Amino acid sequence: MVEFMVSITIMLILFAIALLNYNQSREEIALQRAAYKLAQDIRQVQEMASGAETAPGCFNAGQPIYPAYKYKFGINLKSADLNKYTLYSDCNGDNNYTGVDYVVPVELSDFNLVEISSDTFSAFGNLNILFLPPDLSVIIRKDADESSNSVSIVLQSKKDPNKKKSIYTNKAGLIDVQNVP
């Protein structure tokens, strides 16, 4: 009987350790998945610009709604909403996301576990990354008028804010997922 009780105790301890490791690895996987999904969506916007797609919503009967239309596709992140971002086509050419642009809203995968870190928006409240064909020029705009050469979008675990991943993008079009120490 004592051997049986010792065996059960050992199995319960091993089960508790496995359960703790499962929850921890689940958070890490969710963070990694969200980081690679965001990087993939930035690359999708880049590919849309490189393919010179016509943006739905920017044309009426085959003609541009705005006379000086140039194909621009971008991604918008707002400090007011840390669980989602927006892919859009810049219909009016102002290099900013506005309500008249064609949009595809995207929620972070596992948004109950992961969010965009407020570190990303330390000195601004709005971020736009735009790609312009044919040479795929990149415009990185922090707020409406401030431009930058690069940006790091930081994602963090909601349960452990010390677990972070960064998506680095620069004006040359580099998109890279990095670990944050």
N, C-alpha and C. Protein backbone atom coordinates (compact mmCIF):
# COMPACT_ATOMS: atom_id res chain seq x y z
N MET A 1 0.81 -1.19 0.00
CA MET A 1 0.00 0.00 0.00
C MET A 1 0.87 1.27 0.00
N VAL A 2 1.97 1.23 0.74
CA VAL A 2 2.87 2.37 0.81
C VAL A 2 3.50 2.61 -0.56
N GLU A 3 3.90 1.55 -1.25
CA GLU A 3 4.47 1.67 -2.60
C GLU A 3 3.46 2.32 -3.55
N PHE A 4 2.23 1.92 -3.44
CA PHE A 4 1.18 2.49 -4.29
C PHE A 4 1.02 3.99 -4.03
N MET A 5 1.01 4.40 -2.77
CA MET A 5 0.86 5.81 -2.42
C MET A 5 2.06 6.62 -2.90
N VAL A 6 3.25 6.06 -2.78
CA VAL A 6 4.46 6.76 -3.24
C VAL A 6 4.40 6.91 -4.76
N SER A 7 3.99 5.88 -5.46
CA SER A 7 3.87 5.93 -6.92
C SER A 7 2.86 6.99 -7.36
N ILE A 8 1.73 7.05 -6.70
CA ILE A 8 0.70 8.04 -7.03
C ILE A 8 1.22 9.44 -6.76
N THR A 9 1.91 9.65 -5.66
CA THR A 9 2.46 10.96 -5.32
C THR A 9 3.47 11.41 -6.37
N ILE A 10 4.35 10.52 -6.78
CA ILE A 10 5.34 10.86 -7.80
C ILE A 10 4.65 11.21 -9.11
N MET A 11 3.63 10.46 -9.49
CA MET A 11 2.91 10.74 -10.73
C MET A 11 2.19 12.08 -10.66
N LEU A 12 1.61 12.44 -9.52
CA LEU A 12 0.94 13.72 -9.36
C LEU A 12 1.94 14.88 -9.44
N ILE A 13 3.11 14.71 -8.86
CA ILE A 13 4.14 15.75 -8.94
C ILE A 13 4.58 15.95 -10.38
N LEU A 14 4.81 14.87 -11.11
CA LEU A 14 5.20 14.97 -12.52
C LEU A 14 4.09 15.60 -13.36
N PHE A 15 2.85 15.26 -13.05
CA PHE A 15 1.72 15.86 -13.78
C PHE A 15 1.63 17.36 -13.52
N ALA A 16 1.85 17.79 -12.27
CA ALA A 16 1.80 19.23 -11.93
C ALA A 16 2.92 19.98 -12.67
N ILE A 17 4.11 19.41 -12.73
CA ILE A 17 5.22 20.04 -13.44
C ILE A 17 4.90 20.15 -14.93
N ALA A 18 4.36 19.09 -15.50
CA ALA A 18 4.00 19.11 -16.93
C ALA A 18 2.92 20.15 -17.20
N LEU A 19 1.95 20.29 -16.32
CA LEU A 19 0.87 21.26 -16.50
C LEU A 19 1.41 22.69 -16.44
N LEU A 20 2.31 22.98 -15.52
CA LEU A 20 2.92 24.31 -15.43
C LEU A 20 3.72 24.62 -16.69
N ASN A 21 4.48 23.66 -17.17
CA ASN A 21 5.26 23.87 -18.40
C ASN A 21 4.36 24.04 -19.61
N TYR A 22 3.21 23.36 -19.63
CA TYR A 22 2.28 23.50 -20.75
C TYR A 22 1.75 24.93 -20.84
N ASN A 23 1.32 25.50 -19.73
CA ASN A 23 0.79 26.87 -19.74
C ASN A 23 1.87 27.87 -20.15
N GLN A 24 3.07 27.67 -19.66
CA GLN A 24 4.17 28.57 -20.00
C GLN A 24 4.50 28.47 -21.49
N SER A 25 4.57 27.27 -22.02
CA SER A 25 4.90 27.11 -23.44
C SER A 25 3.75 27.58 -24.32
N ARG A 26 2.53 27.47 -23.85
CA ARG A 26 1.36 27.96 -24.60
C ARG A 26 1.46 29.46 -24.81
N GLU A 27 1.86 30.21 -23.78
CA GLU A 27 2.04 31.65 -23.89
C GLU A 27 3.17 32.00 -24.87
N GLU A 28 4.28 31.26 -24.78
CA GLU A 28 5.41 31.52 -25.68
C GLU A 28 5.03 31.23 -27.13
N ILE A 29 4.29 30.17 -27.35
CA ILE A 29 3.86 29.82 -28.71
C ILE A 29 2.89 30.88 -29.24
N ALA A 30 1.98 31.35 -28.39
CA ALA A 30 1.03 32.39 -28.81
C ALA A 30 1.77 33.66 -29.19
N LEU A 31 2.77 34.04 -28.42
CA LEU A 31 3.56 35.23 -28.72
C LEU A 31 4.32 35.07 -30.03
N GLN A 32 4.93 33.92 -30.20
CA GLN A 32 5.67 33.66 -31.45
C GLN A 32 4.74 33.65 -32.65
N ARG A 33 3.58 33.03 -32.50
CA ARG A 33 2.62 32.97 -33.61
C ARG A 33 2.11 34.37 -33.97
N ALA A 34 1.82 35.20 -32.97
CA ALA A 34 1.34 36.56 -33.23
C ALA A 34 2.42 37.40 -33.91
N ALA A 35 3.68 37.24 -33.49
CA ALA A 35 4.78 38.00 -34.09
C ALA A 35 4.97 37.62 -35.55
N TYR A 36 4.97 36.34 -35.85
CA TYR A 36 5.15 35.91 -37.24
C TYR A 36 3.93 36.26 -38.11
N LYS A 37 2.74 36.27 -37.52
CA LYS A 37 1.54 36.67 -38.27
C LYS A 37 1.60 38.15 -38.62
N LEU A 38 2.03 38.99 -37.69
CA LEU A 38 2.16 40.42 -37.97
C LEU A 38 3.23 40.65 -39.04
N ALA A 39 4.36 39.97 -38.93
CA ALA A 39 5.40 40.10 -39.96
C ALA A 39 4.88 39.63 -41.31
N GLN A 40 4.11 38.55 -41.32
CA GLN A 40 3.53 38.04 -42.56
C GLN A 40 2.55 39.05 -43.16
N ASP A 41 1.77 39.71 -42.32
CA ASP A 41 0.83 40.71 -42.82
C ASP A 41 1.55 41.94 -43.39
N ILE A 42 2.66 42.34 -42.77
CA ILE A 42 3.45 43.43 -43.34
C ILE A 42 4.01 43.02 -44.69
N ARG A 43 4.48 41.78 -44.79
CA ARG A 43 4.98 41.28 -46.08
C ARG A 43 3.86 41.21 -47.11
N GLN A 44 2.64 40.86 -46.67
CA GLN A 44 1.50 40.82 -47.59
C GLN A 44 1.24 42.20 -48.18
N VAL A 45 1.29 43.23 -47.33
CA VAL A 45 1.10 44.60 -47.81
C VAL A 45 2.20 44.94 -48.81
N GLN A 46 3.43 44.54 -48.50
CA GLN A 46 4.56 44.77 -49.40
C GLN A 46 4.33 44.07 -50.74
N GLU A 47 3.83 42.85 -50.72
CA GLU A 47 3.56 42.11 -51.95
C GLU A 47 2.41 42.74 -52.74
N MET A 48 1.41 43.25 -52.04
CA MET A 48 0.31 43.92 -52.74
C MET A 48 0.84 45.12 -53.51
N ALA A 49 1.76 45.86 -52.91
CA ALA A 49 2.35 47.02 -53.58
C ALA A 49 3.25 46.58 -54.73
N SER A 50 4.00 45.49 -54.53
CA SER A 50 4.90 45.04 -55.60
C SER A 50 4.13 44.49 -56.79
N GLY A 51 2.93 43.97 -56.54
CA GLY A 51 2.11 43.45 -57.63
C GLY A 51 1.29 44.53 -58.29
N ALA A 52 1.37 45.75 -57.77
CA ALA A 52 0.61 46.89 -58.30
C ALA A 52 -0.86 46.53 -58.45
N GLU A 53 -1.39 45.88 -57.41
CA GLU A 53 -2.82 45.54 -57.41
C GLU A 53 -3.65 46.82 -57.39
N THR A 54 -4.81 46.74 -57.96
CA THR A 54 -5.74 47.85 -57.80
C THR A 54 -6.46 47.63 -56.48
N ALA A 55 -6.57 48.66 -55.72
CA ALA A 55 -7.16 48.55 -54.39
C ALA A 55 -8.68 48.64 -54.47
N PRO A 56 -9.37 47.61 -54.02
CA PRO A 56 -10.83 47.70 -53.98
C PRO A 56 -11.23 48.90 -53.12
N GLY A 57 -12.21 49.61 -53.52
CA GLY A 57 -12.66 50.76 -52.78
C GLY A 57 -12.02 52.06 -53.21
N CYS A 58 -10.94 52.00 -54.00
CA CYS A 58 -10.27 53.22 -54.47
C CYS A 58 -10.71 53.59 -55.88
N PHE A 59 -11.53 52.75 -56.48
CA PHE A 59 -11.95 52.98 -57.86
C PHE A 59 -13.46 52.94 -57.96
N ASN A 60 -13.98 53.73 -58.88
CA ASN A 60 -15.40 53.72 -59.18
C ASN A 60 -15.52 53.56 -60.70
N ALA A 61 -16.09 52.47 -61.13
CA ALA A 61 -16.24 52.16 -62.56
C ALA A 61 -14.88 52.18 -63.27
N GLY A 62 -13.86 51.64 -62.60
CA GLY A 62 -12.55 51.54 -63.22
C GLY A 62 -11.71 52.80 -63.17
N GLN A 63 -12.26 53.88 -62.65
CA GLN A 63 -11.53 55.15 -62.56
C GLN A 63 -11.20 55.45 -61.10
N PRO A 64 -10.00 55.99 -60.84
CA PRO A 64 -9.67 56.32 -59.45
C PRO A 64 -10.63 57.36 -58.87
N ILE A 65 -11.00 57.17 -57.62
CA ILE A 65 -11.87 58.13 -56.95
C ILE A 65 -11.15 59.46 -56.78
N TYR A 66 -9.87 59.39 -56.46
CA TYR A 66 -9.06 60.61 -56.30
C TYR A 66 -8.20 60.78 -57.55
N PRO A 67 -8.15 61.97 -58.14
CA PRO A 67 -7.46 62.17 -59.41
C PRO A 67 -5.97 61.85 -59.37
N ALA A 68 -5.30 62.14 -58.29
CA ALA A 68 -3.85 61.91 -58.24
C ALA A 68 -3.52 60.59 -57.55
N TYR A 69 -4.35 59.59 -57.80
CA TYR A 69 -4.17 58.31 -57.10
C TYR A 69 -2.87 57.63 -57.50
N LYS A 70 -2.11 57.19 -56.50
CA LYS A 70 -0.94 56.33 -56.68
C LYS A 70 -1.19 55.10 -55.82
N TYR A 71 -0.80 53.97 -56.32
CA TYR A 71 -0.99 52.75 -55.55
C TYR A 71 -0.10 52.79 -54.31
N LYS A 72 -0.70 52.75 -53.15
CA LYS A 72 0.02 52.65 -51.89
C LYS A 72 -0.76 51.70 -51.00
N PHE A 73 -0.04 50.84 -50.37
CA PHE A 73 -0.65 49.91 -49.44
C PHE A 73 0.07 50.01 -48.12
N GLY A 74 -0.66 49.92 -47.02
CA GLY A 74 -0.03 50.11 -45.73
C GLY A 74 -0.64 49.29 -44.62
N ILE A 75 -0.01 49.42 -43.47
CA ILE A 75 -0.50 48.81 -42.24
C ILE A 75 -0.54 49.91 -41.19
N ASN A 76 -1.59 49.93 -40.40
CA ASN A 76 -1.79 50.97 -39.39
C ASN A 76 -1.95 50.33 -38.02
N LEU A 77 -1.22 50.86 -37.05
CA LEU A 77 -1.34 50.44 -35.66
C LEU A 77 -1.64 51.66 -34.81
N LYS A 78 -2.55 51.51 -33.86
CA LYS A 78 -2.94 52.63 -33.00
C LYS A 78 -2.71 52.26 -31.54
N SER A 79 -2.20 53.23 -30.79
CA SER A 79 -1.96 52.98 -29.36
C SER A 79 -3.27 52.80 -28.60
N ALA A 80 -4.36 53.28 -29.15
CA ALA A 80 -5.65 53.17 -28.48
C ALA A 80 -6.18 51.74 -28.50
N ASP A 81 -5.72 50.91 -29.43
CA ASP A 81 -6.18 49.53 -29.53
C ASP A 81 -4.99 48.61 -29.70
N LEU A 82 -4.58 47.97 -28.63
CA LEU A 82 -3.39 47.13 -28.63
C LEU A 82 -3.66 45.70 -29.07
N ASN A 83 -4.89 45.40 -29.48
CA ASN A 83 -5.23 44.04 -29.88
C ASN A 83 -5.45 43.88 -31.37
N LYS A 84 -5.35 44.96 -32.14
CA LYS A 84 -5.59 44.83 -33.57
C LYS A 84 -4.80 45.85 -34.36
N TYR A 85 -4.72 45.61 -35.64
CA TYR A 85 -4.09 46.52 -36.58
C TYR A 85 -4.87 46.44 -37.88
N THR A 86 -4.59 47.34 -38.81
CA THR A 86 -5.38 47.44 -40.02
C THR A 86 -4.47 47.44 -41.24
N LEU A 87 -4.80 46.60 -42.21
CA LEU A 87 -4.16 46.64 -43.52
C LEU A 87 -5.04 47.52 -44.39
N TYR A 88 -4.45 48.40 -45.17
CA TYR A 88 -5.28 49.32 -45.94
C TYR A 88 -4.59 49.74 -47.24
N SER A 89 -5.39 50.26 -48.14
CA SER A 89 -4.87 50.91 -49.33
C SER A 89 -5.10 52.40 -49.15
N ASP A 90 -4.08 53.17 -49.44
CA ASP A 90 -4.16 54.62 -49.25
C ASP A 90 -4.81 55.21 -50.49
N CYS A 91 -6.11 55.36 -50.44
CA CYS A 91 -6.87 55.83 -51.62
C CYS A 91 -6.65 57.31 -51.92
N ASN A 92 -6.50 58.13 -50.89
CA ASN A 92 -6.40 59.57 -51.14
C ASN A 92 -4.97 60.08 -51.19
N GLY A 93 -3.98 59.22 -51.00
CA GLY A 93 -2.59 59.60 -51.17
C GLY A 93 -2.01 60.46 -50.06
N ASP A 94 -2.63 60.46 -48.88
CA ASP A 94 -2.11 61.30 -47.80
C ASP A 94 -1.11 60.58 -46.89
N ASN A 95 -0.79 59.33 -47.22
CA ASN A 95 0.17 58.51 -46.46
C ASN A 95 -0.28 58.23 -45.03
N ASN A 96 -1.56 58.30 -44.79
CA ASN A 96 -2.14 58.00 -43.48
C ASN A 96 -3.39 57.17 -43.67
N TYR A 97 -3.71 56.39 -42.65
CA TYR A 97 -4.96 55.64 -42.66
C TYR A 97 -6.09 56.59 -42.28
N THR A 98 -7.08 56.69 -43.16
CA THR A 98 -8.27 57.48 -42.87
C THR A 98 -9.49 56.62 -43.14
N GLY A 99 -10.63 57.10 -42.75
CA GLY A 99 -11.86 56.33 -42.90
C GLY A 99 -12.27 56.07 -44.34
N VAL A 100 -11.73 56.83 -45.30
CA VAL A 100 -12.14 56.63 -46.69
C VAL A 100 -11.31 55.56 -47.38
N ASP A 101 -10.26 55.10 -46.75
CA ASP A 101 -9.40 54.09 -47.36
C ASP A 101 -10.03 52.70 -47.26
N TYR A 102 -9.65 51.83 -48.20
CA TYR A 102 -10.10 50.45 -48.17
C TYR A 102 -9.33 49.73 -47.07
N VAL A 103 -10.02 49.04 -46.19
CA VAL A 103 -9.35 48.45 -45.03
C VAL A 103 -9.65 46.97 -44.88
N VAL A 104 -8.71 46.29 -44.25
CA VAL A 104 -8.89 44.91 -43.81
C VAL A 104 -8.44 44.87 -42.35
N PRO A 105 -9.39 44.92 -41.40
CA PRO A 105 -8.99 44.88 -39.99
C PRO A 105 -8.50 43.48 -39.61
N VAL A 106 -7.46 43.43 -38.79
CA VAL A 106 -6.87 42.16 -38.36
C VAL A 106 -6.72 42.20 -36.85
N GLU A 107 -7.25 41.17 -36.18
CA GLU A 107 -7.03 41.05 -34.74
C GLU A 107 -5.82 40.18 -34.52
N LEU A 108 -5.07 40.48 -33.47
CA LEU A 108 -3.92 39.64 -33.13
C LEU A 108 -4.41 38.23 -32.85
N SER A 109 -3.69 37.23 -33.37
CA SER A 109 -4.05 35.87 -33.02
C SER A 109 -3.77 35.70 -31.53
N ASP A 110 -4.61 34.98 -30.85
CA ASP A 110 -4.50 34.79 -29.40
C ASP A 110 -4.50 36.12 -28.66
N PHE A 111 -5.40 37.04 -29.07
CA PHE A 111 -5.41 38.37 -28.48
C PHE A 111 -5.69 38.36 -26.98
N ASN A 112 -6.19 37.24 -26.45
CA ASN A 112 -6.39 37.17 -25.01
C ASN A 112 -5.07 36.89 -24.27
N LEU A 113 -4.01 36.48 -25.03
CA LEU A 113 -2.71 36.21 -24.43
C LEU A 113 -1.64 37.22 -24.85
N VAL A 114 -1.83 37.88 -26.00
CA VAL A 114 -0.78 38.73 -26.58
C VAL A 114 -1.37 40.09 -26.93
N GLU A 115 -0.56 41.15 -26.78
CA GLU A 115 -0.96 42.48 -27.20
C GLU A 115 0.25 43.23 -27.75
N ILE A 116 -0.03 44.30 -28.49
CA ILE A 116 1.03 45.18 -28.96
C ILE A 116 1.49 45.98 -27.75
N SER A 117 2.77 45.98 -27.49
CA SER A 117 3.30 46.65 -26.31
C SER A 117 3.18 48.16 -26.45
N SER A 118 2.89 48.82 -25.36
CA SER A 118 2.84 50.28 -25.38
C SER A 118 4.23 50.87 -25.63
N ASP A 119 5.29 50.06 -25.48
CA ASP A 119 6.66 50.50 -25.81
C ASP A 119 6.74 50.92 -27.28
N THR A 120 5.96 50.28 -28.14
CA THR A 120 5.95 50.60 -29.56
C THR A 120 5.53 52.04 -29.78
N PHE A 121 4.64 52.54 -28.93
CA PHE A 121 4.06 53.88 -29.11
C PHE A 121 4.57 54.87 -28.07
N SER A 122 5.80 54.72 -27.63
CA SER A 122 6.30 55.54 -26.51
C SER A 122 6.15 57.04 -26.74
N ALA A 123 6.41 57.51 -27.95
CA ALA A 123 6.36 58.96 -28.18
C ALA A 123 5.29 59.35 -29.21
N PHE A 124 4.45 58.43 -29.60
CA PHE A 124 3.43 58.72 -30.61
C PHE A 124 2.23 57.81 -30.40
N GLY A 125 1.14 58.07 -31.08
CA GLY A 125 -0.06 57.29 -30.88
C GLY A 125 -0.54 56.52 -32.09
N ASN A 126 0.11 56.72 -33.23
CA ASN A 126 -0.37 56.14 -34.47
C ASN A 126 0.84 55.78 -35.33
N LEU A 127 0.83 54.60 -35.92
CA LEU A 127 1.95 54.17 -36.75
C LEU A 127 1.43 53.68 -38.10
N ASN A 128 2.00 54.18 -39.19
CA ASN A 128 1.68 53.74 -40.54
C ASN A 128 2.96 53.30 -41.23
N ILE A 129 2.92 52.13 -41.83
CA ILE A 129 4.02 51.65 -42.68
C ILE A 129 3.41 51.46 -44.06
N LEU A 130 3.90 52.24 -45.05
CA LEU A 130 3.35 52.20 -46.41
C LEU A 130 4.40 51.73 -47.40
N PHE A 131 3.94 51.02 -48.41
CA PHE A 131 4.81 50.56 -49.50
C PHE A 131 4.28 51.15 -50.80
N LEU A 132 5.19 51.75 -51.58
CA LEU A 132 4.83 52.40 -52.83
C LEU A 132 5.51 51.71 -54.00
N PRO A 133 4.76 51.26 -54.99
CA PRO A 133 5.39 50.71 -56.18
C PRO A 133 5.87 51.83 -57.08
N PRO A 134 6.64 51.63 -58.07
CA PRO A 134 7.16 50.34 -58.52
C PRO A 134 8.44 49.93 -57.83
N ASP A 135 9.15 50.86 -57.17
CA ASP A 135 10.43 50.51 -56.56
C ASP A 135 10.29 50.10 -55.09
N LEU A 136 9.07 49.96 -54.61
CA LEU A 136 8.74 49.57 -53.24
C LEU A 136 9.39 50.47 -52.20
N SER A 137 9.29 51.76 -52.44
CA SER A 137 9.73 52.72 -51.43
C SER A 137 8.89 52.49 -50.18
N VAL A 138 9.49 52.73 -49.04
CA VAL A 138 8.81 52.51 -47.77
C VAL A 138 8.69 53.84 -47.04
N ILE A 139 7.49 54.12 -46.56
CA ILE A 139 7.25 55.31 -45.74
C ILE A 139 6.84 54.80 -44.37
N ILE A 140 7.58 55.21 -43.35
CA ILE A 140 7.24 54.86 -41.97
C ILE A 140 6.85 56.15 -41.28
N ARG A 141 5.59 56.24 -40.88
CA ARG A 141 5.09 57.48 -40.27
C ARG A 141 4.61 57.21 -38.87
N LYS A 142 5.20 57.94 -37.96
CA LYS A 142 4.75 57.92 -36.58
C LYS A 142 3.90 59.16 -36.40
N ASP A 143 2.64 58.99 -36.15
CA ASP A 143 1.65 60.07 -36.15
C ASP A 143 1.52 60.63 -37.56
N ALA A 144 0.87 61.73 -37.72
CA ALA A 144 0.52 62.22 -39.05
C ALA A 144 1.69 62.84 -39.81
N ASP A 145 2.65 63.42 -39.13
CA ASP A 145 3.66 64.16 -39.87
C ASP A 145 5.09 63.72 -39.59
N GLU A 146 5.34 62.89 -38.63
CA GLU A 146 6.70 62.49 -38.29
C GLU A 146 7.09 61.24 -39.06
N SER A 147 8.17 61.29 -39.83
CA SER A 147 8.62 60.10 -40.54
C SER A 147 9.86 59.54 -39.86
N SER A 148 10.14 58.28 -40.13
CA SER A 148 11.25 57.60 -39.47
C SER A 148 11.94 56.68 -40.46
N ASN A 149 13.19 56.31 -40.17
CA ASN A 149 13.92 55.38 -41.03
C ASN A 149 13.65 53.93 -40.68
N SER A 150 13.22 53.67 -39.45
CA SER A 150 12.92 52.30 -39.04
C SER A 150 11.96 52.33 -37.86
N VAL A 151 11.38 51.18 -37.58
CA VAL A 151 10.47 51.04 -36.45
C VAL A 151 10.53 49.60 -35.95
N SER A 152 10.38 49.45 -34.66
CA SER A 152 10.25 48.12 -34.05
C SER A 152 8.88 48.05 -33.40
N ILE A 153 8.09 47.11 -33.84
CA ILE A 153 6.77 46.88 -33.25
C ILE A 153 6.96 45.76 -32.23
N VAL A 154 6.68 46.06 -30.98
CA VAL A 154 6.93 45.11 -29.90
C VAL A 154 5.61 44.46 -29.49
N LEU A 155 5.60 43.13 -29.47
CA LEU A 155 4.47 42.37 -28.97
C LEU A 155 4.87 41.77 -27.63
N GLN A 156 3.92 41.70 -26.71
CA GLN A 156 4.23 41.15 -25.40
C GLN A 156 3.12 40.25 -24.91
N SER A 157 3.49 39.36 -24.01
CA SER A 157 2.52 38.49 -23.37
C SER A 157 1.73 39.31 -22.36
N LYS A 158 0.42 39.12 -22.31
CA LYS A 158 -0.40 39.86 -21.34
C LYS A 158 -0.14 39.38 -19.92
N LYS A 159 0.15 38.09 -19.76
CA LYS A 159 0.37 37.56 -18.42
C LYS A 159 1.77 37.85 -17.90
N ASP A 160 2.75 37.89 -18.79
CA ASP A 160 4.13 38.19 -18.38
C ASP A 160 4.70 39.22 -19.34
N PRO A 161 4.58 40.51 -19.00
CA PRO A 161 5.04 41.58 -19.90
C PRO A 161 6.54 41.54 -20.21
N ASN A 162 7.30 40.70 -19.50
CA ASN A 162 8.73 40.57 -19.79
C ASN A 162 8.99 39.69 -21.01
N LYS A 163 8.00 38.90 -21.42
CA LYS A 163 8.13 38.08 -22.63
C LYS A 163 7.71 38.93 -23.81
N LYS A 164 8.68 39.22 -24.69
CA LYS A 164 8.41 40.12 -25.81
C LYS A 164 9.08 39.62 -27.07
N LYS A 165 8.49 39.99 -28.21
CA LYS A 165 9.08 39.79 -29.53
C LYS A 165 8.94 41.10 -30.27
N SER A 166 9.87 41.37 -31.16
CA SER A 166 9.87 42.62 -31.89
C SER A 166 9.86 42.35 -33.39
N ILE A 167 9.07 43.11 -34.13
CA ILE A 167 9.06 43.05 -35.59
C ILE A 167 9.72 44.34 -36.05
N TYR A 168 10.91 44.20 -36.61
CA TYR A 168 11.70 45.35 -37.05
C TYR A 168 11.45 45.57 -38.54
N THR A 169 11.18 46.81 -38.92
CA THR A 169 10.98 47.19 -40.32
C THR A 169 11.76 48.47 -40.58
N ASN A 170 12.41 48.53 -41.74
CA ASN A 170 13.13 49.76 -42.08
C ASN A 170 12.74 50.24 -43.48
N LYS A 171 13.30 51.39 -43.88
CA LYS A 171 12.94 52.01 -45.16
C LYS A 171 13.42 51.20 -46.36
N ALA A 172 14.36 50.27 -46.16
CA ALA A 172 14.82 49.42 -47.25
C ALA A 172 13.85 48.26 -47.50
N GLY A 173 12.85 48.09 -46.63
CA GLY A 173 11.87 47.04 -46.81
C GLY A 173 12.16 45.78 -46.02
N LEU A 174 13.18 45.80 -45.16
CA LEU A 174 13.51 44.65 -44.33
C LEU A 174 12.42 44.46 -43.28
N ILE A 175 11.97 43.22 -43.14
CA ILE A 175 10.98 42.87 -42.12
C ILE A 175 11.56 41.67 -41.38
N ASP A 176 11.82 41.84 -40.08
CA ASP A 176 12.53 40.80 -39.33
C ASP A 176 11.90 40.65 -37.94
N VAL A 177 11.68 39.40 -37.53
CA VAL A 177 11.19 39.11 -36.20
C VAL A 177 12.39 38.86 -35.30
N GLN A 178 12.43 39.57 -34.17
CA GLN A 178 13.58 39.47 -33.26
C GLN A 178 13.11 39.20 -31.85
N ASN A 179 13.95 38.50 -31.08
CA ASN A 179 13.68 38.32 -29.66
C ASN A 179 14.08 39.59 -28.93
N VAL A 180 13.33 39.97 -27.94
CA VAL A 180 13.66 41.13 -27.12
C VAL A 180 14.25 40.61 -25.82
N PRO A 181 15.50 41.01 -25.51
CA PRO A 181 16.13 40.51 -24.28
C PRO A 181 15.45 41.03 -23.03
